[in-house]
Amino acid sequence: MSAFGFAHLRSRRHHSDIVEYLERIQATLDPFAGRFVIHGPPTEVLEGNWPGSMVLIGFPTLAEAHAWYNSAAYQDILRLRTEHIEGDVLLIEGVGPSYDPAERARGLRADAAGQGGGAGLPASGPA
């Protein structure tokens, strides 16, 4: 199942270390089949507030995403980013091509009913 490395970068400061990080990061991704899907602005915020920018890197599997992040090559350049940009980084497993949110809703209803709950879950309708 595909996986993603997601970063919400809130405070960006231009620094020569950031340029070096950008020059070197793809070489750390290549052995793990990682590729940039989203890399920064522009962002059109439709709801809420989104301070900063976003980066999304795709991997074939969550194991490869973990292996990349923990690799010596990436760890060697990580400080180039973390010393100059504040943000959050997550590794997330994606959903498969047959993912059905209605099926998930049915599971949530069944779980709530089995716990004697269901409070806040309407009998039908979108979540």
C-alpha atoms as a PDB file:
ATOM      1  CA  MET A   1       0.000   0.000   0.000  1.00  0.00           C
ATOM      2  CA  SER A   2       1.361   3.435  -0.867  1.00  0.00           C
ATOM      3  CA  ALA A   3       2.555   5.755   1.863  1.00  0.00           C
ATOM      4  CA  PHE A   4       3.376   9.410   2.204  1.00  0.00           C
ATOM      5  CA  GLY A   5       5.722  11.649   4.081  1.00  0.00           C
ATOM      6  CA  PHE A   6       3.813  14.820   4.906  1.00  0.00           C
ATOM      7  CA  ALA A   7       5.344  18.023   6.237  1.00  0.00           C
ATOM      8  CA  HIS A   8       3.542  21.142   7.405  1.00  0.00           C
ATOM      9  CA  LEU A   9       6.260  23.785   7.393  1.00  0.00           C
ATOM     10  CA  ARG A  10       5.211  26.853   9.338  1.00  0.00           C
ATOM     11  CA  SER A  11       8.234  29.111   9.468  1.00  0.00           C
ATOM     12  CA  ARG A  12      10.542  29.159   6.504  1.00  0.00           C
ATOM     13  CA  ARG A  13      13.784  31.097   6.560  1.00  0.00           C
ATOM     14  CA  HIS A  14      15.946  31.288   3.488  1.00  0.00           C
ATOM     15  CA  HIS A  15      19.378  30.022   4.414  1.00  0.00           C
ATOM     16  CA  SER A  16      22.234  28.390   2.530  1.00  0.00           C
ATOM     17  CA  ASP A  17      21.606  25.187   4.541  1.00  0.00           C
ATOM     18  CA  ILE A  18      18.101  24.984   3.043  1.00  0.00           C
ATOM     19  CA  VAL A  19      19.523  25.290  -0.454  1.00  0.00           C
ATOM     20  CA  GLU A  20      21.980  22.488   0.330  1.00  0.00           C
ATOM     21  CA  TYR A  21      19.146  20.354   1.767  1.00  0.00           C
ATOM     22  CA  LEU A  22      17.149  20.816  -1.445  1.00  0.00           C
ATOM     23  CA  GLU A  23      20.176  19.952  -3.548  1.00  0.00           C
ATOM     24  CA  ARG A  24      20.759  16.709  -1.622  1.00  0.00           C
ATOM     25  CA  ILE A  25      17.308  15.368  -0.667  1.00  0.00           C
ATOM     26  CA  GLN A  26      16.414  13.632  -3.951  1.00  0.00           C
ATOM     27  CA  ALA A  27      19.515  11.432  -3.706  1.00  0.00           C
ATOM     28  CA  THR A  28      18.252  10.256  -0.289  1.00  0.00           C
ATOM     29  CA  LEU A  29      14.808   9.455  -1.746  1.00  0.00           C
ATOM     30  CA  ASP A  30      15.950   7.564  -4.849  1.00  0.00           C
ATOM     31  CA  PRO A  31      16.933   4.269  -3.121  1.00  0.00           C
ATOM     32  CA  PHE A  32      13.426   4.112  -1.577  1.00  0.00           C
ATOM     33  CA  ALA A  33      11.486   5.115  -4.722  1.00  0.00           C
ATOM     34  CA  GLY A  34      10.417   8.348  -3.020  1.00  0.00           C
ATOM     35  CA  ARG A  35       9.140  11.233  -5.120  1.00  0.00           C
ATOM     36  CA  PHE A  36       7.784  14.686  -4.437  1.00  0.00           C
ATOM     37  CA  VAL A  37       4.031  14.933  -4.976  1.00  0.00           C
ATOM     38  CA  ILE A  38       3.591  18.436  -3.495  1.00  0.00           C
ATOM     39  CA  HIS A  39       6.398  20.845  -2.707  1.00  0.00           C
ATOM     40  CA  GLY A  40       5.361  24.128  -1.171  1.00  0.00           C
ATOM     41  CA  PRO A  41       3.277  27.076  -2.366  1.00  0.00           C
ATOM     42  CA  PRO A  42       1.032  28.121  -3.921  1.00  0.00           C
ATOM     43  CA  THR A  43      -1.771  27.025  -1.603  1.00  0.00           C
ATOM     44  CA  GLU A  44      -5.396  28.009  -1.950  1.00  0.00           C
ATOM     45  CA  VAL A  45      -7.001  27.791   1.496  1.00  0.00           C
ATOM     46  CA  LEU A  46     -10.718  27.050   1.124  1.00  0.00           C
ATOM     47  CA  GLU A  47     -11.575  26.453   4.788  1.00  0.00           C
ATOM     48  CA  GLY A  48      -9.800  27.428   7.976  1.00  0.00           C
ATOM     49  CA  ASN A  49      -6.328  28.869   8.275  1.00  0.00           C
ATOM     50  CA  TRP A  50      -3.152  27.330   6.867  1.00  0.00           C
ATOM     51  CA  PRO A  51      -0.014  29.110   8.014  1.00  0.00           C
ATOM     52  CA  GLY A  52       3.034  27.950   6.120  1.00  0.00           C
ATOM     53  CA  SER A  53       3.471  25.475   3.324  1.00  0.00           C
ATOM     54  CA  MET A  54       3.104  21.785   2.650  1.00  0.00           C
ATOM     55  CA  VAL A  55       5.331  19.038   1.297  1.00  0.00           C
ATOM     56  CA  LEU A  56       4.086  15.582   0.311  1.00  0.00           C
ATOM     57  CA  ILE A  57       6.473  12.802  -0.703  1.00  0.00           C
ATOM     58  CA  GLY A  58       5.113   9.514  -2.027  1.00  0.00           C
ATOM     59  CA  PHE A  59       6.591   6.057  -1.374  1.00  0.00           C
ATOM     60  CA  PRO A  60       5.554   2.587  -2.551  1.00  0.00           C
ATOM     61  CA  THR A  61       5.102   1.362   1.057  1.00  0.00           C
ATOM     62  CA  LEU A  62       5.173   2.618   4.635  1.00  0.00           C
ATOM     63  CA  ALA A  63       8.229   0.427   5.272  1.00  0.00           C
ATOM     64  CA  GLU A  64      10.126   2.270   2.526  1.00  0.00           C
ATOM     65  CA  ALA A  65       9.040   5.628   3.944  1.00  0.00           C
ATOM     66  CA  HIS A  66      10.378   4.629   7.381  1.00  0.00           C
ATOM     67  CA  ALA A  67      13.571   3.252   5.848  1.00  0.00           C
ATOM     68  CA  TRP A  68      14.157   6.538   3.989  1.00  0.00           C
ATOM     69  CA  TYR A  69      13.559   8.717   7.053  1.00  0.00           C
ATOM     70  CA  ASN A  70      15.851   6.572   9.192  1.00  0.00           C
ATOM     71  CA  SER A  71      18.529   6.161   6.508  1.00  0.00           C
ATOM     72  CA  ALA A  72      22.023   7.464   7.201  1.00  0.00           C
ATOM     73  CA  ALA A  73      21.852   9.594   4.051  1.00  0.00           C
ATOM     74  CA  TYR A  74      18.688  11.416   5.159  1.00  0.00           C
ATOM     75  CA  GLN A  75      19.731  11.709   8.783  1.00  0.00           C
ATOM     76  CA  ASP A  76      22.944  13.330   7.538  1.00  0.00           C
ATOM     77  CA  ILE A  77      21.023  16.234   5.951  1.00  0.00           C
ATOM     78  CA  LEU A  78      18.042  16.456   8.323  1.00  0.00           C
ATOM     79  CA  ARG A  79      19.602  19.143  10.534  1.00  0.00           C
ATOM     80  CA  LEU A  80      19.948  21.388   7.470  1.00  0.00           C
ATOM     81  CA  ARG A  81      16.151  21.682   7.497  1.00  0.00           C
ATOM     82  CA  THR A  82      15.293  21.374  11.181  1.00  0.00           C
ATOM     83  CA  GLU A  83      17.700  24.113  12.260  1.00  0.00           C
ATOM     84  CA  HIS A  84      15.967  26.634   9.982  1.00  0.00           C
ATOM     85  CA  ILE A  85      12.351  25.563   9.457  1.00  0.00           C
ATOM     86  CA  GLU A  86       9.740  24.899  12.129  1.00  0.00           C
ATOM     87  CA  GLY A  87       7.159  22.293  11.244  1.00  0.00           C
ATOM     88  CA  ASP A  88       5.587  18.897  11.710  1.00  0.00           C
ATOM     89  CA  VAL A  89       6.490  15.759   9.757  1.00  0.00           C
ATOM     90  CA  LEU A  90       4.309  12.644   9.534  1.00  0.00           C
ATOM     91  CA  LEU A  91       4.491   9.289   7.781  1.00  0.00           C
ATOM     92  CA  ILE A  92       1.049   8.112   6.684  1.00  0.00           C
ATOM     93  CA  GLU A  93      -0.146   4.978   4.937  1.00  0.00           C
ATOM     94  CA  GLY A  94      -2.457   5.678   2.023  1.00  0.00           C
ATOM     95  CA  VAL A  95      -5.714   3.966   1.144  1.00  0.00           C
ATOM     96  CA  GLY A  96      -6.041   1.437  -1.635  1.00  0.00           C
ATOM     97  CA  PRO A  97      -7.924   1.924  -4.904  1.00  0.00           C
ATOM     98  CA  SER A  98     -10.988   0.113  -3.541  1.00  0.00           C
ATOM     99  CA  TYR A  99     -11.325   2.341  -0.448  1.00  0.00           C
ATOM    100  CA  ASP A 100     -14.971   3.214   0.235  1.00  0.00           C
ATOM    101  CA  PRO A 101     -15.748   5.876   2.856  1.00  0.00           C
ATOM    102  CA  ALA A 102     -19.339   4.595   3.142  1.00  0.00           C
ATOM    103  CA  GLU A 103     -17.944   1.225   4.236  1.00  0.00           C
ATOM    104  CA  ARG A 104     -15.905   2.974   6.904  1.00  0.00           C
ATOM    105  CA  ALA A 105     -19.049   4.800   8.059  1.00  0.00           C
ATOM    106  CA  ARG A 106     -20.857   1.452   8.393  1.00  0.00           C
ATOM    107  CA  GLY A 107     -18.005   0.177  10.547  1.00  0.00           C
ATOM    108  CA  LEU A 108     -18.154   3.276  12.759  1.00  0.00           C
ATOM    109  CA  ARG A 109     -21.915   2.808  13.202  1.00  0.00           C
ATOM    110  CA  ALA A 110     -21.446  -0.865  14.078  1.00  0.00           C
ATOM    111  CA  ASP A 111     -18.713  -0.014  16.600  1.00  0.00           C
ATOM    112  CA  ALA A 112     -20.878   2.665  18.204  1.00  0.00           C
ATOM    113  CA  ALA A 113     -23.891   0.321  18.404  1.00  0.00           C
ATOM    114  CA  GLY A 114     -21.752  -2.443  19.915  1.00  0.00           C
ATOM    115  CA  GLN A 115     -20.563  -0.084  22.644  1.00  0.00           C
ATOM    116  CA  GLY A 116     -24.125   0.898  23.463  1.00  0.00           C
ATOM    117  CA  GLY A 117     -23.324   4.315  22.096  1.00  0.00           C
ATOM    118  CA  GLY A 118     -24.076   5.932  18.881  1.00  0.00           C
ATOM    119  CA  ALA A 119     -24.443   9.338  20.469  1.00  0.00           C
ATOM    120  CA  GLY A 120     -23.664  11.906  17.854  1.00  0.00           C
ATOM    121  CA  LEU A 121     -23.979   9.377  15.028  1.00  0.00           C
ATOM    122  CA  PRO A 122     -27.126  10.003  13.015  1.00  0.00           C
ATOM    123  CA  ALA A 123     -29.051   7.071  11.593  1.00  0.00           C
ATOM    124  CA  SER A 124     -27.906   8.014   8.101  1.00  0.00           C
ATOM    125  CA  GLY A 125     -26.176  10.740   6.151  1.00  0.00           C
ATOM    126  CA  PRO A 126     -22.608  11.886   5.539  1.00  0.00           C
ATOM    127  CA  ALA A 127     -20.029  12.103   8.265  1.00  0.00           C
END
